[in-house]
Amino acid sequence: KGSDDDLSLRREFNISFHDLGLGTEADGSVCRGLSRSTTCEALPSIMSRLGHQSLTVVKVDVEGAEWAALGEQTTVDVLKNRAQQFVIEFHLDRIDEHKGIAILKRLREAGLVLWNWDSNAHGKKFFVKWNGIHFPNPVEASYL
């Protein structure tokens, strides 16, 4: 629930929030978050259910489950072909570095252009070593 100001901004800018989790399943399985559980679906399934043909901004903050969702080729295809901007929080400590690098390369090969990579100072573990390089963890990444 938001304040009256939040609600008026949502109406003015036609912003909607849906209690759905991004995952790999289209069957409505349960995603368990830090404080609650919600329905989990693959991105193409969510778009179909909500009647979206394209997306202006996709913001993903799923506390480590982002790697599984991005492992799905259909998710990468949707981001490439139907999203204008993609913003995601990556938890680098929740995946093997070689698998993580392969997923990041797949995003680049799909034509998504990384334009911002920024530390999220609220993370519990501040640095992760990948390929001999220390990276802040987690990080917010923005793609076009």
Protein backbone atom coordinates (compact mmCIF):
# COMPACT_ATOMS: atom_id res chain seq x y z
CA LYS A 1 0.00 0.00 0.00
CA GLY A 2 1.26 3.43 -0.90
CA SER A 3 0.44 6.91 0.28
CA ASP A 4 -2.16 9.09 -1.45
CA ASP A 5 0.70 10.85 -3.26
CA ASP A 6 2.02 7.50 -4.52
CA LEU A 7 -1.43 6.54 -5.79
CA SER A 8 -1.96 9.84 -7.61
CA LEU A 9 1.46 9.52 -9.29
CA ARG A 10 0.63 5.97 -10.37
CA ARG A 11 -2.62 7.19 -11.95
CA GLU A 12 -1.01 10.23 -13.58
CA PHE A 13 1.79 8.23 -15.21
CA ASN A 14 -0.23 5.02 -15.76
CA ILE A 15 2.09 2.95 -13.54
CA SER A 16 0.96 -0.46 -12.32
CA PHE A 17 2.55 -2.84 -9.85
CA HIS A 18 1.83 -6.56 -9.93
CA ASP A 19 2.60 -9.09 -7.24
CA LEU A 20 4.46 -11.49 -9.52
CA GLY A 21 7.91 -13.01 -9.28
CA LEU A 22 10.21 -13.38 -12.28
CA GLY A 23 11.38 -16.94 -12.68
CA THR A 24 11.72 -19.75 -15.15
CA GLU A 25 8.32 -21.34 -14.79
CA ALA A 26 5.12 -20.33 -16.56
CA ASP A 27 2.98 -22.62 -14.43
CA GLY A 28 2.43 -20.28 -11.50
CA SER A 29 4.90 -21.97 -9.15
CA VAL A 30 5.76 -20.18 -5.92
CA CYS A 31 8.78 -17.86 -5.61
CA ARG A 32 9.94 -17.50 -2.05
CA GLY A 33 11.40 -14.09 -1.31
CA LEU A 34 13.05 -12.66 1.75
CA SER A 35 9.81 -11.81 3.54
CA ARG A 36 7.00 -13.43 1.58
CA SER A 37 6.05 -15.76 -1.27
CA THR A 38 4.39 -14.84 -4.54
CA THR A 39 3.46 -16.38 -7.89
CA CYS A 40 6.49 -16.96 -10.10
CA GLU A 41 6.34 -16.83 -13.90
CA ALA A 42 8.64 -16.51 -16.89
CA LEU A 43 8.76 -13.04 -18.49
CA PRO A 44 6.94 -14.06 -21.72
CA SER A 45 4.13 -15.57 -19.62
CA ILE A 46 3.82 -12.40 -17.50
CA MET A 47 3.66 -10.24 -20.63
CA SER A 48 0.99 -12.45 -22.16
CA ARG A 49 -1.11 -12.48 -19.00
CA LEU A 50 -0.97 -8.67 -18.72
CA GLY A 51 -1.55 -8.12 -22.45
CA HIS A 52 1.82 -6.42 -23.10
CA GLN A 53 3.38 -6.53 -26.56
CA SER A 54 6.31 -4.31 -25.56
CA LEU A 55 7.83 -2.90 -22.40
CA THR A 56 9.27 0.55 -21.75
CA VAL A 57 11.33 -0.43 -18.68
CA VAL A 58 11.93 -3.83 -17.12
CA LYS A 59 13.30 -3.56 -13.56
CA VAL A 60 14.44 -6.81 -11.98
CA ASP A 61 15.36 -7.08 -8.29
CA VAL A 62 14.75 -10.69 -7.30
CA GLU A 63 17.48 -11.23 -4.69
CA GLY A 64 19.64 -13.78 -6.51
CA ALA A 65 16.99 -15.43 -8.69
CA GLU A 66 18.00 -13.16 -11.58
CA TRP A 67 20.56 -15.69 -12.79
CA ALA A 68 17.97 -18.44 -13.27
CA ALA A 69 15.60 -16.06 -15.06
CA LEU A 70 18.36 -14.83 -17.39
CA GLY A 71 19.39 -18.41 -18.05
CA GLU A 72 16.16 -18.76 -20.04
CA GLN A 73 16.73 -17.87 -23.71
CA THR A 74 13.12 -16.72 -24.04
CA THR A 75 13.73 -14.07 -21.36
CA VAL A 76 16.81 -12.76 -23.19
CA ASP A 77 14.84 -12.72 -26.48
CA VAL A 78 12.03 -10.67 -24.88
CA LEU A 79 14.52 -8.21 -23.41
CA LYS A 80 16.22 -7.82 -26.81
CA ASN A 81 13.11 -7.52 -28.94
CA ARG A 82 10.42 -5.99 -26.74
CA ALA A 83 12.05 -3.93 -23.96
CA GLN A 84 13.39 -0.41 -24.44
CA GLN A 85 15.38 -0.44 -21.20
CA PHE A 86 16.39 -3.20 -18.81
CA VAL A 87 17.61 -2.52 -15.24
CA ILE A 88 18.71 -5.36 -12.99
CA GLU A 89 20.37 -5.97 -9.66
CA PHE A 90 23.02 -8.68 -10.00
CA HIS A 91 24.14 -10.68 -6.96
CA LEU A 92 27.56 -11.82 -8.08
CA ASP A 93 28.03 -14.06 -5.05
CA ARG A 94 25.04 -16.26 -5.92
CA ILE A 95 26.36 -17.90 -9.07
CA ASP A 96 29.54 -19.58 -10.25
CA GLU A 97 31.64 -16.89 -11.97
CA HIS A 98 31.93 -18.86 -15.24
CA LYS A 99 28.16 -19.30 -15.51
CA GLY A 100 27.62 -15.64 -14.60
CA ILE A 101 30.10 -14.45 -17.23
CA ALA A 102 28.42 -16.67 -19.84
CA ILE A 103 25.01 -15.10 -19.05
CA LEU A 104 26.46 -11.56 -19.21
CA LYS A 105 28.06 -12.42 -22.59
CA ARG A 106 24.70 -13.75 -23.83
CA LEU A 107 23.07 -10.41 -22.98
CA ARG A 108 25.79 -8.59 -24.93
CA GLU A 109 25.55 -11.01 -27.88
CA ALA A 110 21.77 -10.47 -27.94
CA GLY A 111 22.47 -6.81 -28.65
CA LEU A 112 21.73 -5.37 -25.21
CA VAL A 113 24.07 -2.45 -24.54
CA LEU A 114 25.32 -1.97 -20.97
CA TRP A 115 25.30 1.76 -20.20
CA ASN A 116 25.57 1.77 -16.41
CA TRP A 117 27.15 -0.56 -13.82
CA ASP A 118 26.94 0.77 -10.28
CA SER A 119 27.56 -0.61 -6.80
CA ASN A 120 24.58 -1.15 -4.55
CA ALA A 121 25.96 -0.01 -1.20
CA HIS A 122 23.29 -1.88 0.75
CA GLY A 123 24.76 -5.31 -0.03
CA LYS A 124 25.94 -7.60 2.74
CA LYS A 125 29.07 -8.71 0.90
CA PHE A 126 30.81 -5.75 -0.64
CA PHE A 127 33.24 -7.38 -3.09
CA VAL A 128 33.34 -10.58 -5.12
CA LYS A 129 36.36 -11.79 -7.07
CA TRP A 130 35.52 -12.83 -10.63
CA ASN A 131 38.25 -13.68 -13.11
CA GLY A 132 40.85 -12.22 -10.75
CA ILE A 133 39.05 -8.86 -10.55
CA HIS A 134 37.23 -7.56 -7.47
CA PHE A 135 33.69 -6.36 -8.24
CA PRO A 136 31.29 -4.61 -5.89
CA ASN A 137 28.39 -6.81 -4.85
CA PRO A 138 25.55 -6.52 -5.54
CA VAL A 139 25.55 -4.21 -8.56
CA GLU A 140 22.82 -2.40 -10.47
CA ALA A 141 23.21 -2.74 -14.23
CA SER A 142 21.25 -0.82 -16.87
CA TYR A 143 20.94 -1.92 -20.48
CA LEU A 144 19.47 -0.41 -23.64
